[in-house]
Amino acid sequence: MRSPVASRAHPRVIGAALLVATLAATPAASADTTHKRRRDRLAVLALGATLYLASETVFKEALVPDACRWCGTNRLDRAVRDRFLWDDPHQARKLSDLAAYVAAPVAAFGLLALAGSSDDDPWLRFADDAIPVLEAVVYTQLLTGAVKLAVGRERPGIHFTDEKRTSEDNLSFFSGHTSLAFSLAVSAGMVAHARKSPFEPFIWGAGLGLATATAYLRVAGDKHYFSDVAVGAAIGIAGGLLIPKLTGSLPRGPGKRTRVVPTGNGFAIVGQF
């Protein structure tokens, strides 16, 4: 006959053993799934980035409209141009390039890297944080490029002055610099919010500040009308908000960890929930 103690202990031991086995096996399966998803997302991102770069380099001359399809302007765009146009628009253009292509990416990715620097695996954490931002940027820029080519709006610098003509003359609507900067700012802010990062206010503040400066400088540089940068900002914000959610790439939180520890009566799960 089995003792009462053995009868009571047997289910507890089996349950504890099953719990330990399950918890030991689950991280491995989850890690495999996570790595596969990461590779899949990076592969799609690489394809999207390749398409965008090809449209901006190899195929651009064949794709850009030879003549403007949207050649006119309106009272609001003219008034804003008259108010904010710099005496030296070329200087404003250089600053807009620096803001959109240097300062905004450095702020977004640099602050995300700094926020995750204390993680157990900061490089893997950074990769997971960077993927949703890159998705927002690449897919937003693909949409931006397609709309620019389809609409064919004449730039204000061509419409109002005798600037030297280039292949960029009829790609005013909507502003790619602006959609880029806002998609960077908002997607990085979304990642910081999902992580519950203490750096979140700085990521939002720096990103949106640089994006707003980029939009202003594109008007000051006579490369875009107000309506171009307004729509570019709206598309960038929408892309930053929606694309990481639609792709499911946002991180799920600050990465709380649990572990199984022995107790006097069996086992316990210790951690933060």
C-alpha atoms as a PDB file:
ATOM      1  CA  MET A   1       0.000   0.000   0.000  1.00  0.00           C
ATOM      2  CA  ARG A   2       1.317   3.465  -0.905  1.00  0.00           C
ATOM      3  CA  SER A   3       1.596   5.915   1.916  1.00  0.00           C
ATOM      4  CA  PRO A   4      -0.675   9.017   1.958  1.00  0.00           C
ATOM      5  CA  VAL A   5       2.436  11.181   1.656  1.00  0.00           C
ATOM      6  CA  ALA A   6       3.540   9.381  -1.488  1.00  0.00           C
ATOM      7  CA  SER A   7       0.022   9.658  -2.933  1.00  0.00           C
ATOM      8  CA  ARG A   8      -0.054  13.391  -2.355  1.00  0.00           C
ATOM      9  CA  ALA A   9       3.531  13.939  -3.540  1.00  0.00           C
ATOM     10  CA  HIS A  10       3.195  11.967  -6.765  1.00  0.00           C
ATOM     11  CA  PRO A  11       0.887  14.402  -8.661  1.00  0.00           C
ATOM     12  CA  ARG A  12       2.902  17.365  -7.374  1.00  0.00           C
ATOM     13  CA  VAL A  13       6.192  15.916  -8.608  1.00  0.00           C
ATOM     14  CA  ILE A  14       4.697  15.021 -11.990  1.00  0.00           C
ATOM     15  CA  GLY A  15       3.150  18.483 -12.303  1.00  0.00           C
ATOM     16  CA  ALA A  16       6.404  20.183 -11.379  1.00  0.00           C
ATOM     17  CA  ALA A  17       8.346  18.034 -13.834  1.00  0.00           C
ATOM     18  CA  LEU A  18       5.877  18.821 -16.617  1.00  0.00           C
ATOM     19  CA  LEU A  19       6.061  22.538 -15.784  1.00  0.00           C
ATOM     20  CA  VAL A  20       9.856  22.561 -15.889  1.00  0.00           C
ATOM     21  CA  ALA A  21       9.910  20.583 -19.145  1.00  0.00           C
ATOM     22  CA  THR A  22       7.354  22.900 -20.743  1.00  0.00           C
ATOM     23  CA  LEU A  23       9.183  26.052 -19.688  1.00  0.00           C
ATOM     24  CA  ALA A  24      12.484  24.608 -20.840  1.00  0.00           C
ATOM     25  CA  ALA A  25      11.125  23.696 -24.269  1.00  0.00           C
ATOM     26  CA  THR A  26       9.007  26.793 -24.916  1.00  0.00           C
ATOM     27  CA  PRO A  27      11.819  29.396 -25.122  1.00  0.00           C
ATOM     28  CA  ALA A  28      13.649  27.314 -27.734  1.00  0.00           C
ATOM     29  CA  ALA A  29      10.549  26.999 -29.919  1.00  0.00           C
ATOM     30  CA  SER A  30       9.717  30.647 -29.392  1.00  0.00           C
ATOM     31  CA  ALA A  31      13.287  31.685 -30.232  1.00  0.00           C
ATOM     32  CA  ASP A  32      13.222  29.658 -33.448  1.00  0.00           C
ATOM     33  CA  THR A  33       9.924  31.280 -34.449  1.00  0.00           C
ATOM     34  CA  THR A  34      11.245  34.736 -33.567  1.00  0.00           C
ATOM     35  CA  HIS A  35      14.418  34.252 -35.615  1.00  0.00           C
ATOM     36  CA  LYS A  36      12.413  33.017 -38.598  1.00  0.00           C
ATOM     37  CA  ARG A  37      10.059  35.983 -38.442  1.00  0.00           C
ATOM     38  CA  ARG A  38      13.004  38.328 -38.146  1.00  0.00           C
ATOM     39  CA  ARG A  39      14.659  36.795 -41.212  1.00  0.00           C
ATOM     40  CA  ASP A  40      11.404  36.932 -43.177  1.00  0.00           C
ATOM     41  CA  ARG A  41      10.842  40.587 -42.335  1.00  0.00           C
ATOM     42  CA  LEU A  42      14.410  41.484 -43.237  1.00  0.00           C
ATOM     43  CA  ALA A  43      14.074  39.659 -46.563  1.00  0.00           C
ATOM     44  CA  VAL A  44      10.889  41.572 -47.445  1.00  0.00           C
ATOM     45  CA  LEU A  45      12.517  44.806 -46.315  1.00  0.00           C
ATOM     46  CA  ALA A  46      15.526  44.134 -48.528  1.00  0.00           C
ATOM     47  CA  LEU A  47      13.230  43.559 -51.502  1.00  0.00           C
ATOM     48  CA  GLY A  48      11.290  46.752 -50.822  1.00  0.00           C
ATOM     49  CA  ALA A  49      14.464  48.775 -50.373  1.00  0.00           C
ATOM     50  CA  THR A  50      15.885  47.348 -53.610  1.00  0.00           C
ATOM     51  CA  LEU A  51      12.743  48.314 -55.519  1.00  0.00           C
ATOM     52  CA  TYR A  52      12.835  51.816 -54.104  1.00  0.00           C
ATOM     53  CA  LEU A  53      16.539  52.322 -54.855  1.00  0.00           C
ATOM     54  CA  ALA A  54      16.059  50.977 -58.373  1.00  0.00           C
ATOM     55  CA  SER A  55      13.199  53.410 -58.990  1.00  0.00           C
ATOM     56  CA  GLU A  56      15.364  56.265 -57.722  1.00  0.00           C
ATOM     57  CA  THR A  57      18.438  55.361 -59.771  1.00  0.00           C
ATOM     58  CA  VAL A  58      18.356  52.821 -62.590  1.00  0.00           C
ATOM     59  CA  PHE A  59      14.788  53.371 -63.787  1.00  0.00           C
ATOM     60  CA  LYS A  60      14.207  56.963 -62.735  1.00  0.00           C
ATOM     61  CA  GLU A  61      14.873  58.604 -66.080  1.00  0.00           C
ATOM     62  CA  ALA A  62      12.405  56.249 -67.763  1.00  0.00           C
ATOM     63  CA  LEU A  63       9.729  56.699 -65.086  1.00  0.00           C
ATOM     64  CA  VAL A  64       9.658  60.448 -64.437  1.00  0.00           C
ATOM     65  CA  PRO A  65       7.067  62.452 -66.406  1.00  0.00           C
ATOM     66  CA  ASP A  66       8.537  64.578 -69.186  1.00  0.00           C
ATOM     67  CA  ALA A  67       5.988  67.335 -68.588  1.00  0.00           C
ATOM     68  CA  CYS A  68       3.959  68.342 -65.569  1.00  0.00           C
ATOM     69  CA  ARG A  69       0.506  66.826 -65.201  1.00  0.00           C
ATOM     70  CA  TRP A  70      -0.325  69.178 -62.340  1.00  0.00           C
ATOM     71  CA  CYS A  71       1.156  72.508 -63.350  1.00  0.00           C
ATOM     72  CA  GLY A  72      -0.895  75.081 -61.497  1.00  0.00           C
ATOM     73  CA  THR A  73      -0.930  76.282 -57.900  1.00  0.00           C
ATOM     74  CA  ASN A  74      -3.452  77.831 -55.504  1.00  0.00           C
ATOM     75  CA  ARG A  75      -3.833  80.821 -53.218  1.00  0.00           C
ATOM     76  CA  LEU A  76      -2.803  79.007 -50.015  1.00  0.00           C
ATOM     77  CA  ASP A  77       0.339  77.488 -51.515  1.00  0.00           C
ATOM     78  CA  ARG A  78       1.338  80.835 -53.022  1.00  0.00           C
ATOM     79  CA  ALA A  79       0.784  82.666 -49.723  1.00  0.00           C
ATOM     80  CA  VAL A  80       2.822  80.173 -47.707  1.00  0.00           C
ATOM     81  CA  ARG A  81       5.602  80.240 -50.285  1.00  0.00           C
ATOM     82  CA  ASP A  82       5.761  84.029 -50.208  1.00  0.00           C
ATOM     83  CA  ARG A  83       5.889  83.959 -46.393  1.00  0.00           C
ATOM     84  CA  PHE A  84       8.556  81.302 -45.837  1.00  0.00           C
ATOM     85  CA  LEU A  85      10.778  81.323 -48.952  1.00  0.00           C
ATOM     86  CA  TRP A  86      14.412  82.036 -48.063  1.00  0.00           C
ATOM     87  CA  ASP A  87      16.557  84.542 -49.916  1.00  0.00           C
ATOM     88  CA  ASP A  88      18.991  81.659 -50.436  1.00  0.00           C
ATOM     89  CA  PRO A  89      16.755  78.637 -51.131  1.00  0.00           C
ATOM     90  CA  HIS A  90      19.760  76.444 -51.950  1.00  0.00           C
ATOM     91  CA  GLN A  91      20.942  76.746 -48.355  1.00  0.00           C
ATOM     92  CA  ALA A  92      17.520  75.644 -47.104  1.00  0.00           C
ATOM     93  CA  ARG A  93      17.650  72.632 -49.444  1.00  0.00           C
ATOM     94  CA  LYS A  94      21.029  71.553 -48.074  1.00  0.00           C
ATOM     95  CA  LEU A  95      19.748  71.838 -44.527  1.00  0.00           C
ATOM     96  CA  SER A  96      16.627  69.838 -45.408  1.00  0.00           C
ATOM     97  CA  ASP A  97      18.828  67.060 -46.799  1.00  0.00           C
ATOM     98  CA  LEU A  98      20.834  67.018 -43.572  1.00  0.00           C
ATOM     99  CA  ALA A  99      17.699  67.008 -41.434  1.00  0.00           C
ATOM    100  CA  ALA A 100      15.889  64.237 -43.324  1.00  0.00           C
ATOM    101  CA  TYR A 101      18.767  61.979 -44.339  1.00  0.00           C
ATOM    102  CA  VAL A 102      21.234  62.454 -41.484  1.00  0.00           C
ATOM    103  CA  ALA A 103      19.827  64.016 -38.317  1.00  0.00           C
ATOM    104  CA  ALA A 104      16.437  62.249 -38.310  1.00  0.00           C
ATOM    105  CA  PRO A 105      17.843  58.709 -38.816  1.00  0.00           C
ATOM    106  CA  VAL A 106      20.654  59.320 -36.315  1.00  0.00           C
ATOM    107  CA  ALA A 107      18.151  60.563 -33.727  1.00  0.00           C
ATOM    108  CA  ALA A 108      15.683  57.710 -34.261  1.00  0.00           C
ATOM    109  CA  PHE A 109      18.117  54.800 -34.404  1.00  0.00           C
ATOM    110  CA  GLY A 110      20.642  56.317 -32.016  1.00  0.00           C
ATOM    111  CA  LEU A 111      18.099  56.886 -29.254  1.00  0.00           C
ATOM    112  CA  LEU A 112      16.583  53.433 -29.770  1.00  0.00           C
ATOM    113  CA  ALA A 113      20.060  51.891 -29.484  1.00  0.00           C
ATOM    114  CA  LEU A 114      20.770  53.915 -26.354  1.00  0.00           C
ATOM    115  CA  ALA A 115      17.440  52.885 -24.840  1.00  0.00           C
ATOM    116  CA  GLY A 116      18.280  49.207 -25.311  1.00  0.00           C
ATOM    117  CA  SER A 117      21.962  49.396 -24.363  1.00  0.00           C
ATOM    118  CA  SER A 118      21.345  47.855 -20.918  1.00  0.00           C
ATOM    119  CA  ASP A 119      19.450  44.863 -22.331  1.00  0.00           C
ATOM    120  CA  ASP A 120      20.920  41.359 -22.010  1.00  0.00           C
ATOM    121  CA  ASP A 121      21.487  41.319 -25.776  1.00  0.00           C
ATOM    122  CA  PRO A 122      21.526  44.972 -26.929  1.00  0.00           C
ATOM    123  CA  TRP A 123      22.294  44.155 -30.574  1.00  0.00           C
ATOM    124  CA  LEU A 124      19.375  41.771 -30.878  1.00  0.00           C
ATOM    125  CA  ARG A 125      17.167  44.257 -29.062  1.00  0.00           C
ATOM    126  CA  PHE A 126      18.272  46.972 -31.483  1.00  0.00           C
ATOM    127  CA  ALA A 127      17.522  44.754 -34.486  1.00  0.00           C
ATOM    128  CA  ASP A 128      14.003  44.081 -33.202  1.00  0.00           C
ATOM    129  CA  ASP A 129      13.477  47.796 -32.557  1.00  0.00           C
ATOM    130  CA  ALA A 130      14.904  48.865 -35.913  1.00  0.00           C
ATOM    131  CA  ILE A 131      12.828  46.488 -38.062  1.00  0.00           C
ATOM    132  CA  PRO A 132       9.432  48.224 -37.511  1.00  0.00           C
ATOM    133  CA  VAL A 133      11.062  51.606 -38.141  1.00  0.00           C
ATOM    134  CA  LEU A 134      12.660  50.410 -41.363  1.00  0.00           C
ATOM    135  CA  GLU A 135       9.362  48.863 -42.470  1.00  0.00           C
ATOM    136  CA  ALA A 136       7.570  52.166 -41.944  1.00  0.00           C
ATOM    137  CA  VAL A 137      10.250  54.091 -43.826  1.00  0.00           C
ATOM    138  CA  VAL A 138      10.657  51.718 -46.787  1.00  0.00           C
ATOM    139  CA  TYR A 139       6.955  51.129 -47.416  1.00  0.00           C
ATOM    140  CA  THR A 140       6.117  54.805 -46.952  1.00  0.00           C
ATOM    141  CA  GLN A 141       8.817  55.782 -49.433  1.00  0.00           C
ATOM    142  CA  LEU A 142       7.579  53.247 -51.967  1.00  0.00           C
ATOM    143  CA  LEU A 143       4.121  54.828 -51.760  1.00  0.00           C
ATOM    144  CA  THR A 144       5.628  58.312 -51.935  1.00  0.00           C
ATOM    145  CA  GLY A 145       7.611  57.505 -55.056  1.00  0.00           C
ATOM    146  CA  ALA A 146       4.638  55.923 -56.796  1.00  0.00           C
ATOM    147  CA  VAL A 147       2.407  58.945 -56.099  1.00  0.00           C
ATOM    148  CA  LYS A 148       5.093  61.397 -57.224  1.00  0.00           C
ATOM    149  CA  LEU A 149       5.453  59.627 -60.558  1.00  0.00           C
ATOM    150  CA  ALA A 150       1.696  59.327 -61.078  1.00  0.00           C
ATOM    151  CA  VAL A 151       0.781  62.906 -60.141  1.00  0.00           C
ATOM    152  CA  GLY A 152       3.650  64.748 -61.835  1.00  0.00           C
ATOM    153  CA  ARG A 153       3.281  68.062 -60.010  1.00  0.00           C
ATOM    154  CA  GLU A 154       5.596  70.885 -61.050  1.00  0.00           C
ATOM    155  CA  ARG A 155       7.902  72.140 -58.306  1.00  0.00           C
ATOM    156  CA  PRO A 156       7.524  75.762 -57.168  1.00  0.00           C
ATOM    157  CA  GLY A 157      11.144  76.536 -57.991  1.00  0.00           C
ATOM    158  CA  ILE A 158      10.392  75.661 -61.621  1.00  0.00           C
ATOM    159  CA  HIS A 159       6.937  77.238 -61.718  1.00  0.00           C
ATOM    160  CA  PHE A 160       7.991  80.643 -60.386  1.00  0.00           C
ATOM    161  CA  THR A 161      11.642  80.952 -61.466  1.00  0.00           C
ATOM    162  CA  ASP A 162      13.929  80.122 -64.356  1.00  0.00           C
ATOM    163  CA  GLU A 163      15.872  77.402 -62.528  1.00  0.00           C
ATOM    164  CA  LYS A 164      17.836  74.932 -64.591  1.00  0.00           C
ATOM    165  CA  ARG A 165      15.545  72.019 -65.440  1.00  0.00           C
ATOM    166  CA  THR A 166      16.274  68.483 -64.227  1.00  0.00           C
ATOM    167  CA  SER A 167      14.478  65.136 -64.010  1.00  0.00           C
ATOM    168  CA  GLU A 168      13.173  66.205 -60.580  1.00  0.00           C
ATOM    169  CA  ASP A 169      11.103  69.101 -61.938  1.00  0.00           C
ATOM    170  CA  ASN A 170       7.722  67.366 -61.841  1.00  0.00           C
ATOM    171  CA  LEU A 171       7.988  65.376 -58.616  1.00  0.00           C
ATOM    172  CA  SER A 172       6.658  67.925 -56.152  1.00  0.00           C
ATOM    173  CA  PHE A 173       3.625  66.071 -54.790  1.00  0.00           C
ATOM    174  CA  PHE A 174       4.083  64.945 -52.166  1.00  0.00           C
ATOM    175  CA  SER A 175       7.269  65.652 -50.223  1.00  0.00           C
ATOM    176  CA  GLY A 176       9.460  62.586 -49.833  1.00  0.00           C
ATOM    177  CA  HIS A 177      11.784  64.289 -47.346  1.00  0.00           C
ATOM    178  CA  THR A 178       8.791  65.077 -45.144  1.00  0.00           C
ATOM    179  CA  SER A 179       7.158  61.655 -45.334  1.00  0.00           C
ATOM    180  CA  LEU A 180      10.535  60.068 -44.562  1.00  0.00           C
ATOM    181  CA  ALA A 181      11.212  62.222 -41.503  1.00  0.00           C
ATOM    182  CA  PHE A 182       7.715  61.802 -40.055  1.00  0.00           C
ATOM    183  CA  SER A 183       7.614  58.034 -40.647  1.00  0.00           C
ATOM    184  CA  LEU A 184      10.961  57.759 -38.861  1.00  0.00           C
ATOM    185  CA  ALA A 185       9.814  59.874 -35.929  1.00  0.00           C
ATOM    186  CA  VAL A 186       6.450  58.209 -35.416  1.00  0.00           C
ATOM    187  CA  SER A 187       7.564  54.596 -35.886  1.00  0.00           C
ATOM    188  CA  ALA A 188      10.490  55.096 -33.492  1.00  0.00           C
ATOM    189  CA  GLY A 189       8.094  56.671 -31.006  1.00  0.00           C
ATOM    190  CA  MET A 190       5.751  53.697 -31.379  1.00  0.00           C
ATOM    191  CA  VAL A 191       8.604  51.297 -30.640  1.00  0.00           C
ATOM    192  CA  ALA A 192       9.628  53.300 -27.564  1.00  0.00           C
ATOM    193  CA  HIS A 193       6.011  53.327 -26.385  1.00  0.00           C
ATOM    194  CA  ALA A 194       5.677  49.566 -26.857  1.00  0.00           C
ATOM    195  CA  ARG A 195       8.898  49.070 -24.901  1.00  0.00           C
ATOM    196  CA  LYS A 196       7.704  51.461 -22.169  1.00  0.00           C
ATOM    197  CA  SER A 197      11.092  53.099 -22.581  1.00  0.00           C
ATOM    198  CA  PRO A 198      12.108  56.044 -20.386  1.00  0.00           C
ATOM    199  CA  PHE A 199      13.608  57.510 -23.574  1.00  0.00           C
ATOM    200  CA  GLU A 200      10.172  57.763 -25.202  1.00  0.00           C
ATOM    201  CA  PRO A 201       9.681  61.550 -24.657  1.00  0.00           C
ATOM    202  CA  PHE A 202      13.106  62.264 -26.153  1.00  0.00           C
ATOM    203  CA  ILE A 203      12.473  60.012 -29.161  1.00  0.00           C
ATOM    204  CA  TRP A 204       9.131  61.672 -29.881  1.00  0.00           C
ATOM    205  CA  GLY A 205      10.471  65.173 -29.245  1.00  0.00           C
ATOM    206  CA  ALA A 206      13.632  64.891 -31.327  1.00  0.00           C
ATOM    207  CA  GLY A 207      11.910  63.014 -34.145  1.00  0.00           C
ATOM    208  CA  LEU A 208       8.906  65.269 -34.535  1.00  0.00           C
ATOM    209  CA  GLY A 209      11.058  68.382 -34.139  1.00  0.00           C
ATOM    210  CA  LEU A 210      13.386  67.304 -36.946  1.00  0.00           C
ATOM    211  CA  ALA A 211      10.451  66.228 -39.130  1.00  0.00           C
ATOM    212  CA  THR A 212       8.747  69.598 -38.708  1.00  0.00           C
ATOM    213  CA  ALA A 213      12.011  71.386 -39.486  1.00  0.00           C
ATOM    214  CA  THR A 214      12.391  69.255 -42.618  1.00  0.00           C
ATOM    215  CA  ALA A 215       8.913  70.204 -43.847  1.00  0.00           C
ATOM    216  CA  TYR A 216       9.592  73.899 -43.228  1.00  0.00           C
ATOM    217  CA  LEU A 217      12.958  73.771 -45.022  1.00  0.00           C
ATOM    218  CA  ARG A 218      11.433  72.088 -48.086  1.00  0.00           C
ATOM    219  CA  VAL A 219       9.095  75.065 -48.453  1.00  0.00           C
ATOM    220  CA  ALA A 220      11.856  77.551 -47.620  1.00  0.00           C
ATOM    221  CA  GLY A 221      14.027  75.905 -50.275  1.00  0.00           C
ATOM    222  CA  ASP A 222      11.318  76.278 -52.953  1.00  0.00           C
ATOM    223  CA  LYS A 223      11.253  72.528 -53.576  1.00  0.00           C
ATOM    224  CA  HIS A 224       7.704  71.965 -52.341  1.00  0.00           C
ATOM    225  CA  TYR A 225       4.453  73.758 -51.761  1.00  0.00           C
ATOM    226  CA  PHE A 226       2.727  73.772 -48.391  1.00  0.00           C
ATOM    227  CA  SER A 227       0.207  71.188 -49.620  1.00  0.00           C
ATOM    228  CA  ASP A 228       3.097  68.907 -50.632  1.00  0.00           C
ATOM    229  CA  VAL A 229       4.632  68.890 -47.158  1.00  0.00           C
ATOM    230  CA  ALA A 230       1.250  68.724 -45.400  1.00  0.00           C
ATOM    231  CA  VAL A 231       0.294  65.558 -47.275  1.00  0.00           C
ATOM    232  CA  GLY A 232       3.827  64.201 -46.849  1.00  0.00           C
ATOM    233  CA  ALA A 233       3.552  64.709 -43.088  1.00  0.00           C
ATOM    234  CA  ALA A 234       0.134  63.009 -42.987  1.00  0.00           C
ATOM    235  CA  ILE A 235       1.392  60.023 -44.973  1.00  0.00           C
ATOM    236  CA  GLY A 236       4.521  59.749 -42.837  1.00  0.00           C
ATOM    237  CA  ILE A 237       2.506  59.864 -39.609  1.00  0.00           C
ATOM    238  CA  ALA A 238       0.023  57.291 -40.907  1.00  0.00           C
ATOM    239  CA  GLY A 239       2.835  55.025 -42.070  1.00  0.00           C
ATOM    240  CA  GLY A 240       4.646  55.284 -38.762  1.00  0.00           C
ATOM    241  CA  LEU A 241       1.489  54.488 -36.829  1.00  0.00           C
ATOM    242  CA  LEU A 242      -0.057  51.789 -38.993  1.00  0.00           C
ATOM    243  CA  ILE A 243       2.673  49.867 -40.821  1.00  0.00           C
ATOM    244  CA  PRO A 244       4.403  48.391 -37.724  1.00  0.00           C
ATOM    245  CA  LYS A 245       0.988  47.358 -36.400  1.00  0.00           C
ATOM    246  CA  LEU A 246      -0.119  45.825 -39.685  1.00  0.00           C
ATOM    247  CA  THR A 247       3.118  43.863 -40.046  1.00  0.00           C
ATOM    248  CA  GLY A 248       3.015  42.823 -36.381  1.00  0.00           C
ATOM    249  CA  SER A 249       6.630  43.836 -35.868  1.00  0.00           C
ATOM    250  CA  LEU A 250       6.247  46.090 -32.825  1.00  0.00           C
ATOM    251  CA  PRO A 251       8.023  44.701 -29.754  1.00  0.00           C
ATOM    252  CA  ARG A 252       5.703  43.347 -27.091  1.00  0.00           C
ATOM    253  CA  GLY A 253       7.097  45.136 -24.091  1.00  0.00           C
ATOM    254  CA  PRO A 254      10.228  45.767 -22.062  1.00  0.00           C
ATOM    255  CA  GLY A 255      11.290  42.135 -22.219  1.00  0.00           C
ATOM    256  CA  LYS A 256      10.368  40.869 -18.764  1.00  0.00           C
ATOM    257  CA  ARG A 257      11.890  37.514 -17.899  1.00  0.00           C
ATOM    258  CA  THR A 258      10.630  34.654 -15.722  1.00  0.00           C
ATOM    259  CA  ARG A 259      12.368  31.677 -14.178  1.00  0.00           C
ATOM    260  CA  VAL A 260      11.466  28.551 -12.221  1.00  0.00           C
ATOM    261  CA  VAL A 261      12.903  28.265  -8.685  1.00  0.00           C
ATOM    262  CA  PRO A 262      12.558  25.529  -6.073  1.00  0.00           C
ATOM    263  CA  THR A 263      10.538  26.225  -2.921  1.00  0.00           C
ATOM    264  CA  GLY A 264       9.878  24.285   0.243  1.00  0.00           C
ATOM    265  CA  ASN A 265       6.685  22.796  -1.190  1.00  0.00           C
ATOM    266  CA  GLY A 266       7.671  22.421  -4.840  1.00  0.00           C
ATOM    267  CA  PHE A 267       8.428  25.014  -7.510  1.00  0.00           C
ATOM    268  CA  ALA A 268       7.468  28.617  -8.201  1.00  0.00           C
ATOM    269  CA  ILE A 269       7.625  30.933 -11.218  1.00  0.00           C
ATOM    270  CA  VAL A 270       9.469  34.117 -10.346  1.00  0.00           C
ATOM    271  CA  GLY A 271       9.509  37.210 -12.512  1.00  0.00           C
ATOM    272  CA  GLN A 272       7.640  40.373 -13.502  1.00  0.00           C
ATOM    273  CA  PHE A 273       4.245  40.279 -15.192  1.00  0.00           C
END
